[in-house]
Amino acid sequence: MCITTQKSVVLIGMPCSGKTTIGALLAEELGLEFVDTDRRIEQRIGDTLQNVLEKRGYMALRNIEEQTLLKEDIKDKVIATGGSAVYSHAGMNHLKSDATVIFLDLPQQQLENRMSNFSTRGIARKPGQSFTSLFAERRELYLRYADIQVDCFGLTITQLLDKLVLLACPPQRSKS
């Protein structure tokens, strides 16, 4: 069995850390189903994350996210969570119950360079909260819930995928 003692993988990290992109590739590589919880939320509510934020506020989005996480069957899947999933203790405990949680860690500056739409991306954050403040607040939570922290700085998608596959299925050691 791969991924330490679990077959499922949950990816956590900031927006633009590559969870969806690498998650889909990892799922294909491991022969597992891929789930993006942000897309699950949008399917469930029939609206975009940004519209929920504008109409109902960030706490409403976090509550919807928690309910979506709790309803997700996580067996035999690679799951890319929304960046705010870590605000839900119950949701994260559910995910950790049958999956290995991997934090895709990137420096703040690299994330900011990747993100051109901070104010319209559908990021659950306090009104007026800066990216710097959000990064500091969430990073602590990512570290708390992660089983494995992967430093993604300077890695190409292929290099990151190779690294995650090795974590998921370490090479068998020869017995001498």
N, C-alpha and C. Protein backbone atom coordinates (compact mmCIF):
# COMPACT_ATOMS: atom_id res chain seq x y z
N MET A 1 0.85 -1.18 0.00
CA MET A 1 0.00 0.00 0.00
C MET A 1 0.89 1.24 0.00
N CYS A 2 0.45 2.27 -0.67
CA CYS A 2 1.21 3.50 -0.81
C CYS A 2 0.76 4.55 0.22
N ILE A 3 1.42 5.69 0.17
CA ILE A 3 1.15 6.83 1.08
C ILE A 3 1.14 6.35 2.51
N THR A 4 2.25 6.05 2.99
CA THR A 4 2.43 5.54 4.36
C THR A 4 1.38 4.47 4.63
N THR A 5 0.39 4.74 5.48
CA THR A 5 -0.62 3.73 5.78
C THR A 5 -1.94 4.01 5.07
N GLN A 6 -2.06 5.10 4.36
CA GLN A 6 -3.32 5.49 3.71
C GLN A 6 -3.16 5.43 2.19
N LYS A 7 -4.26 5.15 1.52
CA LYS A 7 -4.23 5.15 0.06
C LYS A 7 -4.62 6.51 -0.50
N SER A 8 -5.47 7.23 0.20
CA SER A 8 -5.93 8.53 -0.27
C SER A 8 -4.96 9.63 0.10
N VAL A 9 -4.97 10.70 -0.71
CA VAL A 9 -4.10 11.84 -0.50
C VAL A 9 -4.96 13.11 -0.50
N VAL A 10 -4.70 13.98 0.47
CA VAL A 10 -5.34 15.29 0.52
C VAL A 10 -4.25 16.34 0.40
N LEU A 11 -4.43 17.25 -0.55
CA LEU A 11 -3.47 18.34 -0.75
C LEU A 11 -4.02 19.62 -0.13
N ILE A 12 -3.21 20.26 0.71
CA ILE A 12 -3.58 21.53 1.30
C ILE A 12 -2.51 22.56 0.96
N GLY A 13 -2.88 23.82 1.01
CA GLY A 13 -1.93 24.89 0.74
C GLY A 13 -2.66 26.13 0.28
N MET A 14 -1.90 27.19 0.13
CA MET A 14 -2.44 28.48 -0.28
C MET A 14 -2.98 28.42 -1.71
N PRO A 15 -3.88 29.36 -2.05
CA PRO A 15 -4.28 29.49 -3.45
C PRO A 15 -3.03 29.71 -4.30
N CYS A 16 -3.00 29.12 -5.46
CA CYS A 16 -1.89 29.20 -6.42
C CYS A 16 -0.70 28.34 -6.04
N SER A 17 -0.87 27.45 -5.07
CA SER A 17 0.24 26.55 -4.72
C SER A 17 0.29 25.34 -5.64
N GLY A 18 -0.74 25.14 -6.47
CA GLY A 18 -0.73 24.06 -7.45
C GLY A 18 -1.54 22.84 -7.05
N LYS A 19 -2.39 22.95 -6.06
CA LYS A 19 -3.13 21.78 -5.56
C LYS A 19 -3.98 21.11 -6.65
N THR A 20 -4.70 21.90 -7.41
CA THR A 20 -5.57 21.34 -8.44
C THR A 20 -4.76 20.74 -9.58
N THR A 21 -3.79 21.48 -10.06
CA THR A 21 -2.96 21.01 -11.18
C THR A 21 -2.23 19.73 -10.83
N ILE A 22 -1.52 19.75 -9.72
CA ILE A 22 -0.71 18.58 -9.35
C ILE A 22 -1.61 17.45 -8.85
N GLY A 23 -2.73 17.81 -8.23
CA GLY A 23 -3.67 16.79 -7.74
C GLY A 23 -4.22 15.93 -8.86
N ALA A 24 -4.62 16.57 -9.95
CA ALA A 24 -5.16 15.82 -11.09
C ALA A 24 -4.09 14.90 -11.68
N LEU A 25 -2.87 15.40 -11.79
CA LEU A 25 -1.77 14.59 -12.33
C LEU A 25 -1.42 13.44 -11.39
N LEU A 26 -1.40 13.71 -10.09
CA LEU A 26 -1.08 12.68 -9.11
C LEU A 26 -2.15 11.59 -9.10
N ALA A 27 -3.40 11.99 -9.18
CA ALA A 27 -4.49 11.02 -9.20
C ALA A 27 -4.36 10.09 -10.41
N GLU A 28 -4.05 10.67 -11.55
CA GLU A 28 -3.86 9.87 -12.77
C GLU A 28 -2.69 8.90 -12.59
N GLU A 29 -1.61 9.40 -12.05
CA GLU A 29 -0.41 8.58 -11.84
C GLU A 29 -0.67 7.42 -10.87
N LEU A 30 -1.47 7.67 -9.84
CA LEU A 30 -1.74 6.66 -8.82
C LEU A 30 -2.98 5.81 -9.13
N GLY A 31 -3.71 6.16 -10.18
CA GLY A 31 -4.91 5.42 -10.53
C GLY A 31 -6.06 5.66 -9.55
N LEU A 32 -6.13 6.88 -9.04
CA LEU A 32 -7.19 7.24 -8.09
C LEU A 32 -8.10 8.30 -8.70
N GLU A 33 -9.28 8.45 -8.12
CA GLU A 33 -10.19 9.52 -8.54
C GLU A 33 -9.66 10.85 -8.04
N PHE A 34 -9.89 11.91 -8.81
CA PHE A 34 -9.49 13.25 -8.40
C PHE A 34 -10.71 14.08 -8.02
N VAL A 35 -10.62 14.80 -6.90
CA VAL A 35 -11.68 15.68 -6.44
C VAL A 35 -11.08 17.04 -6.10
N ASP A 36 -11.68 18.09 -6.62
CA ASP A 36 -11.33 19.46 -6.25
C ASP A 36 -12.50 19.97 -5.41
N THR A 37 -12.27 20.22 -4.13
CA THR A 37 -13.39 20.58 -3.25
C THR A 37 -13.99 21.94 -3.59
N ASP A 38 -13.21 22.85 -4.16
CA ASP A 38 -13.79 24.12 -4.60
C ASP A 38 -14.83 23.88 -5.69
N ARG A 39 -14.54 22.97 -6.63
CA ARG A 39 -15.52 22.66 -7.68
C ARG A 39 -16.73 21.93 -7.08
N ARG A 40 -16.50 21.07 -6.08
CA ARG A 40 -17.62 20.39 -5.40
C ARG A 40 -18.55 21.42 -4.75
N ILE A 41 -17.96 22.43 -4.12
CA ILE A 41 -18.76 23.48 -3.49
C ILE A 41 -19.59 24.19 -4.54
N GLU A 42 -18.96 24.59 -5.63
CA GLU A 42 -19.69 25.31 -6.69
C GLU A 42 -20.80 24.46 -7.28
N GLN A 43 -20.56 23.17 -7.46
CA GLN A 43 -21.61 22.27 -7.96
C GLN A 43 -22.76 22.18 -6.96
N ARG A 44 -22.40 22.07 -5.69
CA ARG A 44 -23.40 21.91 -4.63
C ARG A 44 -24.31 23.13 -4.51
N ILE A 45 -23.73 24.34 -4.61
CA ILE A 45 -24.52 25.55 -4.40
C ILE A 45 -25.00 26.20 -5.70
N GLY A 46 -24.47 25.73 -6.82
CA GLY A 46 -24.88 26.29 -8.11
C GLY A 46 -24.43 27.73 -8.30
N ASP A 47 -23.28 28.07 -7.74
CA ASP A 47 -22.77 29.43 -7.84
C ASP A 47 -21.25 29.39 -7.69
N THR A 48 -20.61 30.51 -7.97
CA THR A 48 -19.15 30.58 -7.82
C THR A 48 -18.78 30.95 -6.39
N LEU A 49 -17.57 30.62 -6.00
CA LEU A 49 -17.08 30.99 -4.68
C LEU A 49 -17.09 32.51 -4.51
N GLN A 50 -16.68 33.22 -5.53
CA GLN A 50 -16.64 34.69 -5.46
C GLN A 50 -18.03 35.26 -5.24
N ASN A 51 -19.05 34.72 -5.91
CA ASN A 51 -20.41 35.22 -5.72
C ASN A 51 -20.90 34.97 -4.30
N VAL A 52 -20.56 33.81 -3.73
CA VAL A 52 -20.94 33.53 -2.35
C VAL A 52 -20.29 34.54 -1.41
N LEU A 53 -19.01 34.80 -1.64
CA LEU A 53 -18.31 35.80 -0.82
C LEU A 53 -18.98 37.17 -0.91
N GLU A 54 -19.31 37.59 -2.11
CA GLU A 54 -19.91 38.91 -2.31
C GLU A 54 -21.31 39.00 -1.73
N LYS A 55 -22.09 37.93 -1.85
CA LYS A 55 -23.50 37.95 -1.40
C LYS A 55 -23.66 37.61 0.07
N ARG A 56 -22.84 36.67 0.57
CA ARG A 56 -23.08 36.13 1.91
C ARG A 56 -21.91 36.26 2.88
N GLY A 57 -20.72 36.57 2.37
CA GLY A 57 -19.57 36.78 3.24
C GLY A 57 -18.69 35.55 3.39
N TYR A 58 -17.50 35.79 3.93
CA TYR A 58 -16.50 34.73 4.01
C TYR A 58 -16.86 33.62 5.00
N MET A 59 -17.57 33.96 6.07
CA MET A 59 -17.94 32.92 7.03
C MET A 59 -18.98 31.95 6.43
N ALA A 60 -19.86 32.47 5.61
CA ALA A 60 -20.83 31.60 4.93
C ALA A 60 -20.10 30.62 4.02
N LEU A 61 -19.10 31.12 3.30
CA LEU A 61 -18.33 30.24 2.42
C LEU A 61 -17.58 29.18 3.23
N ARG A 62 -17.01 29.57 4.34
CA ARG A 62 -16.31 28.60 5.17
C ARG A 62 -17.27 27.53 5.71
N ASN A 63 -18.48 27.94 6.07
CA ASN A 63 -19.47 26.97 6.56
C ASN A 63 -19.87 25.99 5.45
N ILE A 64 -20.08 26.50 4.25
CA ILE A 64 -20.42 25.64 3.11
C ILE A 64 -19.25 24.69 2.83
N GLU A 65 -18.04 25.21 2.91
CA GLU A 65 -16.85 24.38 2.68
C GLU A 65 -16.78 23.26 3.72
N GLU A 66 -17.02 23.57 4.98
CA GLU A 66 -16.97 22.54 6.01
C GLU A 66 -17.99 21.44 5.74
N GLN A 67 -19.22 21.82 5.40
CA GLN A 67 -20.25 20.82 5.11
C GLN A 67 -19.86 19.96 3.91
N THR A 68 -19.26 20.57 2.92
CA THR A 68 -18.81 19.84 1.73
C THR A 68 -17.70 18.85 2.10
N LEU A 69 -16.75 19.29 2.91
CA LEU A 69 -15.67 18.39 3.34
C LEU A 69 -16.22 17.21 4.12
N LEU A 70 -17.15 17.47 5.02
CA LEU A 70 -17.70 16.41 5.88
C LEU A 70 -18.51 15.39 5.08
N LYS A 71 -19.09 15.80 3.96
CA LYS A 71 -19.89 14.90 3.14
C LYS A 71 -19.06 14.11 2.12
N GLU A 72 -17.83 14.50 1.93
CA GLU A 72 -16.99 13.87 0.90
C GLU A 72 -16.51 12.49 1.35
N ASP A 73 -16.78 11.49 0.51
CA ASP A 73 -16.20 10.16 0.70
C ASP A 73 -14.77 10.25 0.18
N ILE A 74 -13.82 10.03 1.06
CA ILE A 74 -12.43 10.28 0.69
C ILE A 74 -11.65 9.05 0.29
N LYS A 75 -12.27 7.90 0.32
CA LYS A 75 -11.54 6.67 0.01
C LYS A 75 -11.10 6.62 -1.45
N ASP A 76 -9.84 6.23 -1.64
CA ASP A 76 -9.26 6.01 -2.96
C ASP A 76 -9.32 7.25 -3.85
N LYS A 77 -8.98 8.39 -3.28
CA LYS A 77 -9.01 9.65 -4.03
C LYS A 77 -7.79 10.49 -3.73
N VAL A 78 -7.51 11.38 -4.66
CA VAL A 78 -6.61 12.50 -4.42
C VAL A 78 -7.53 13.72 -4.36
N ILE A 79 -7.47 14.45 -3.25
CA ILE A 79 -8.38 15.57 -3.02
C ILE A 79 -7.58 16.85 -2.91
N ALA A 80 -7.90 17.81 -3.77
CA ALA A 80 -7.33 19.15 -3.68
C ALA A 80 -8.35 20.01 -2.94
N THR A 81 -7.96 20.49 -1.77
CA THR A 81 -8.88 21.30 -0.98
C THR A 81 -8.78 22.77 -1.37
N GLY A 82 -9.80 23.52 -0.98
CA GLY A 82 -9.70 24.96 -1.06
C GLY A 82 -8.69 25.42 -0.01
N GLY A 83 -8.09 26.56 -0.23
CA GLY A 83 -7.08 27.05 0.70
C GLY A 83 -7.58 27.26 2.11
N SER A 84 -8.89 27.45 2.25
CA SER A 84 -9.45 27.72 3.58
C SER A 84 -9.97 26.48 4.29
N ALA A 85 -9.78 25.31 3.72
CA ALA A 85 -10.27 24.07 4.35
C ALA A 85 -9.73 23.91 5.76
N VAL A 86 -8.53 24.40 6.01
CA VAL A 86 -7.88 24.22 7.30
C VAL A 86 -8.52 25.02 8.43
N TYR A 87 -9.47 25.89 8.11
CA TYR A 87 -10.20 26.58 9.16
C TYR A 87 -11.24 25.67 9.81
N SER A 88 -11.55 24.56 9.18
CA SER A 88 -12.53 23.62 9.72
C SER A 88 -11.82 22.45 10.41
N HIS A 89 -11.83 22.47 11.72
CA HIS A 89 -11.23 21.38 12.49
C HIS A 89 -11.96 20.07 12.18
N ALA A 90 -13.28 20.11 12.15
CA ALA A 90 -14.07 18.90 11.87
C ALA A 90 -13.79 18.39 10.46
N GLY A 91 -13.73 19.30 9.50
CA GLY A 91 -13.46 18.90 8.12
C GLY A 91 -12.08 18.29 7.96
N MET A 92 -11.09 18.89 8.58
CA MET A 92 -9.73 18.36 8.47
C MET A 92 -9.61 17.03 9.20
N ASN A 93 -10.25 16.87 10.33
CA ASN A 93 -10.22 15.57 11.02
C ASN A 93 -10.86 14.49 10.16
N HIS A 94 -11.94 14.83 9.47
CA HIS A 94 -12.58 13.87 8.55
C HIS A 94 -11.60 13.48 7.44
N LEU A 95 -10.93 14.44 6.85
CA LEU A 95 -9.99 14.16 5.77
C LEU A 95 -8.82 13.33 6.28
N LYS A 96 -8.32 13.65 7.46
CA LYS A 96 -7.17 12.94 8.03
C LYS A 96 -7.53 11.52 8.48
N SER A 97 -8.83 11.25 8.63
CA SER A 97 -9.25 9.93 9.12
C SER A 97 -8.91 8.81 8.16
N ASP A 98 -8.81 9.13 6.86
CA ASP A 98 -8.56 8.07 5.89
C ASP A 98 -7.68 8.55 4.73
N ALA A 99 -6.83 9.52 5.01
CA ALA A 99 -5.95 10.04 3.95
C ALA A 99 -4.70 10.62 4.58
N THR A 100 -3.67 10.71 3.77
CA THR A 100 -2.45 11.40 4.16
C THR A 100 -2.58 12.83 3.65
N VAL A 101 -2.37 13.80 4.53
CA VAL A 101 -2.50 15.21 4.18
C VAL A 101 -1.12 15.77 3.87
N ILE A 102 -1.00 16.31 2.66
CA ILE A 102 0.27 16.86 2.19
C ILE A 102 0.12 18.36 1.98
N PHE A 103 0.98 19.13 2.63
CA PHE A 103 1.01 20.58 2.51
C PHE A 103 1.98 20.97 1.41
N LEU A 104 1.46 21.57 0.35
CA LEU A 104 2.30 22.09 -0.73
C LEU A 104 2.75 23.49 -0.32
N ASP A 105 3.97 23.60 0.12
CA ASP A 105 4.50 24.81 0.74
C ASP A 105 5.33 25.62 -0.24
N LEU A 106 4.93 26.86 -0.41
CA LEU A 106 5.67 27.81 -1.25
C LEU A 106 5.86 29.11 -0.49
N PRO A 107 6.96 29.83 -0.76
CA PRO A 107 7.14 31.13 -0.12
C PRO A 107 6.06 32.12 -0.56
N GLN A 108 5.76 33.05 0.33
CA GLN A 108 4.73 34.05 0.05
C GLN A 108 4.98 34.79 -1.26
N GLN A 109 6.21 35.20 -1.50
CA GLN A 109 6.50 35.99 -2.70
C GLN A 109 6.20 35.20 -3.97
N GLN A 110 6.53 33.92 -3.99
CA GLN A 110 6.26 33.12 -5.17
C GLN A 110 4.75 32.97 -5.40
N LEU A 111 3.99 32.80 -4.33
CA LEU A 111 2.54 32.72 -4.44
C LEU A 111 1.96 34.03 -4.99
N GLU A 112 2.45 35.14 -4.45
CA GLU A 112 1.97 36.45 -4.93
C GLU A 112 2.31 36.66 -6.40
N ASN A 113 3.47 36.19 -6.83
CA ASN A 113 3.86 36.32 -8.25
C ASN A 113 2.93 35.51 -9.15
N ARG A 114 2.43 34.39 -8.64
CA ARG A 114 1.54 33.54 -9.44
C ARG A 114 0.10 34.07 -9.50
N MET A 115 -0.29 34.85 -8.49
CA MET A 115 -1.69 35.25 -8.36
C MET A 115 -1.92 36.65 -8.92
N SER A 116 -2.79 36.72 -9.91
CA SER A 116 -3.11 38.02 -10.49
C SER A 116 -4.50 38.49 -10.10
N ASN A 117 -5.25 37.63 -9.39
CA ASN A 117 -6.66 37.93 -9.13
C ASN A 117 -7.04 37.76 -7.65
N PHE A 118 -6.22 38.24 -6.75
CA PHE A 118 -6.46 38.05 -5.31
C PHE A 118 -7.85 38.53 -4.89
N SER A 119 -8.28 39.67 -5.39
CA SER A 119 -9.56 40.24 -4.95
C SER A 119 -10.77 39.60 -5.61
N THR A 120 -10.58 38.83 -6.68
CA THR A 120 -11.73 38.25 -7.39
C THR A 120 -11.66 36.72 -7.50
N ARG A 121 -10.73 36.10 -6.82
CA ARG A 121 -10.49 34.67 -6.95
C ARG A 121 -11.44 33.81 -6.11
N GLY A 122 -12.19 34.39 -5.23
CA GLY A 122 -13.07 33.59 -4.37
C GLY A 122 -12.35 33.06 -3.15
N ILE A 123 -11.46 33.85 -2.60
CA ILE A 123 -10.67 33.43 -1.43
C ILE A 123 -11.40 33.85 -0.16
N ALA A 124 -11.70 32.87 0.68
CA ALA A 124 -12.39 33.15 1.94
C ALA A 124 -11.43 33.85 2.90
N ARG A 125 -11.64 35.14 3.06
CA ARG A 125 -10.79 35.94 3.93
C ARG A 125 -11.61 37.08 4.52
N LYS A 126 -11.10 37.60 5.62
CA LYS A 126 -11.77 38.73 6.27
C LYS A 126 -11.76 39.93 5.33
N PRO A 127 -12.81 40.74 5.37
CA PRO A 127 -12.82 41.94 4.51
C PRO A 127 -11.57 42.79 4.73
N GLY A 128 -10.91 43.12 3.64
CA GLY A 128 -9.72 43.95 3.70
C GLY A 128 -8.45 43.23 4.12
N GLN A 129 -8.53 41.92 4.39
CA GLN A 129 -7.35 41.19 4.84
C GLN A 129 -6.33 41.11 3.71
N SER A 130 -5.09 41.44 4.03
CA SER A 130 -4.01 41.41 3.04
C SER A 130 -3.55 39.98 2.79
N PHE A 131 -2.87 39.80 1.68
CA PHE A 131 -2.31 38.49 1.38
C PHE A 131 -1.28 38.09 2.43
N THR A 132 -0.49 39.05 2.88
CA THR A 132 0.53 38.78 3.90
C THR A 132 -0.10 38.25 5.19
N SER A 133 -1.16 38.89 5.62
CA SER A 133 -1.86 38.47 6.84
C SER A 133 -2.50 37.10 6.65
N LEU A 134 -3.12 36.90 5.51
CA LEU A 134 -3.77 35.62 5.21
C LEU A 134 -2.74 34.49 5.17
N PHE A 135 -1.62 34.74 4.53
CA PHE A 135 -0.54 33.76 4.42
C PHE A 135 -0.06 33.34 5.81
N ALA A 136 0.21 34.30 6.67
CA ALA A 136 0.71 34.00 8.01
C ALA A 136 -0.32 33.21 8.82
N GLU A 137 -1.57 33.61 8.72
CA GLU A 137 -2.65 32.95 9.45
C GLU A 137 -2.83 31.50 9.00
N ARG A 138 -2.86 31.30 7.70
CA ARG A 138 -3.11 29.96 7.16
C ARG A 138 -1.91 29.04 7.27
N ARG A 139 -0.71 29.56 7.09
CA ARG A 139 0.48 28.70 7.10
C ARG A 139 0.58 27.92 8.41
N GLU A 140 0.27 28.58 9.50
CA GLU A 140 0.28 27.92 10.80
C GLU A 140 -0.70 26.73 10.82
N LEU A 141 -1.86 26.93 10.22
CA LEU A 141 -2.87 25.86 10.16
C LEU A 141 -2.43 24.73 9.23
N TYR A 142 -1.84 25.08 8.10
CA TYR A 142 -1.35 24.04 7.18
C TYR A 142 -0.33 23.15 7.89
N LEU A 143 0.57 23.78 8.61
CA LEU A 143 1.60 23.01 9.33
C LEU A 143 0.97 22.14 10.42
N ARG A 144 -0.07 22.61 11.05
CA ARG A 144 -0.74 21.85 12.11
C ARG A 144 -1.39 20.58 11.56
N TYR A 145 -2.02 20.67 10.40
CA TYR A 145 -2.78 19.54 9.88
C TYR A 145 -2.00 18.62 8.95
N ALA A 146 -0.87 19.07 8.45
CA ALA A 146 -0.12 18.29 7.46
C ALA A 146 0.54 17.07 8.10
N ASP A 147 0.43 15.95 7.40
CA ASP A 147 1.23 14.77 7.74
C ASP A 147 2.61 14.89 7.11
N ILE A 148 2.64 15.51 5.92
CA ILE A 148 3.88 15.70 5.17
C ILE A 148 3.90 17.13 4.63
N GLN A 149 5.00 17.82 4.80
CA GLN A 149 5.20 19.15 4.24
C GLN A 149 6.17 19.02 3.07
N VAL A 150 5.77 19.51 1.90
CA VAL A 150 6.63 19.44 0.72
C VAL A 150 7.01 20.85 0.30
N ASP A 151 8.30 21.13 0.33
CA ASP A 151 8.82 22.41 -0.13
C ASP A 151 8.80 22.40 -1.66
N CYS A 152 7.94 23.22 -2.23
CA CYS A 152 7.75 23.24 -3.69
C CYS A 152 8.57 24.31 -4.38
N PHE A 153 9.33 25.09 -3.62
CA PHE A 153 10.07 26.20 -4.19
C PHE A 153 11.04 25.72 -5.26
N GLY A 154 10.94 26.33 -6.44
CA GLY A 154 11.85 26.04 -7.53
C GLY A 154 11.58 24.75 -8.29
N LEU A 155 10.53 24.02 -7.90
CA LEU A 155 10.24 22.76 -8.59
C LEU A 155 9.32 23.00 -9.78
N THR A 156 9.60 22.30 -10.86
CA THR A 156 8.66 22.29 -11.99
C THR A 156 7.51 21.37 -11.63
N ILE A 157 6.46 21.40 -12.42
CA ILE A 157 5.32 20.50 -12.18
C ILE A 157 5.78 19.05 -12.23
N THR A 158 6.64 18.73 -13.20
CA THR A 158 7.14 17.36 -13.33
C THR A 158 7.96 16.96 -12.11
N GLN A 159 8.82 17.85 -11.64
CA GLN A 159 9.64 17.53 -10.46
C GLN A 159 8.77 17.34 -9.22
N LEU A 160 7.75 18.20 -9.07
CA LEU A 160 6.85 18.06 -7.92
C LEU A 160 6.06 16.76 -8.01
N LEU A 161 5.57 16.44 -9.19
CA LEU A 161 4.83 15.19 -9.36
C LEU A 161 5.72 14.00 -9.02
N ASP A 162 6.94 13.99 -9.52
CA ASP A 162 7.87 12.90 -9.22
C ASP A 162 8.10 12.78 -7.71
N LYS A 163 8.25 13.91 -7.05
CA LYS A 163 8.47 13.92 -5.60
C LYS A 163 7.25 13.33 -4.86
N LEU A 164 6.05 13.73 -5.29
CA LEU A 164 4.84 13.24 -4.64
C LEU A 164 4.61 11.75 -4.91
N VAL A 165 4.92 11.31 -6.11
CA VAL A 165 4.80 9.88 -6.43
C VAL A 165 5.75 9.08 -5.56
N LEU A 166 6.97 9.58 -5.38
CA LEU A 166 7.92 8.88 -4.51
C LEU A 166 7.42 8.83 -3.06
N LEU A 167 6.80 9.91 -2.61
CA LEU A 167 6.23 9.92 -1.26
C LEU A 167 5.07 8.93 -1.17
N ALA A 168 4.31 8.87 -2.25
CA ALA A 168 3.14 8.00 -2.27
C ALA A 168 3.53 6.53 -2.38
N CYS A 169 4.54 6.26 -3.16
CA CYS A 169 4.96 4.87 -3.40
C CYS A 169 6.48 4.79 -3.35
N PRO A 170 7.06 4.81 -2.15
CA PRO A 170 8.52 4.76 -2.09
C PRO A 170 9.06 3.49 -2.72
N PRO A 171 10.23 3.55 -3.36
CA PRO A 171 10.80 2.38 -4.00
C PRO A 171 11.01 1.28 -2.95
N GLN A 172 10.81 0.06 -3.38
CA GLN A 172 11.01 -1.07 -2.47
C GLN A 172 12.50 -1.23 -2.23
N ARG A 173 12.85 -1.37 -0.99
CA ARG A 173 14.27 -1.60 -0.65
C ARG A 173 14.59 -3.06 -0.86
N SER A 174 15.74 -3.30 -1.45
CA SER A 174 16.14 -4.70 -1.63
C SER A 174 16.59 -5.27 -0.30
N LYS A 175 16.22 -6.49 -0.07
CA LYS A 175 16.60 -7.16 1.19
C LYS A 175 17.88 -7.92 0.95
N SER A 176 18.91 -7.57 1.72
CA SER A 176 20.19 -8.25 1.52
C SER A 176 20.41 -9.26 2.59
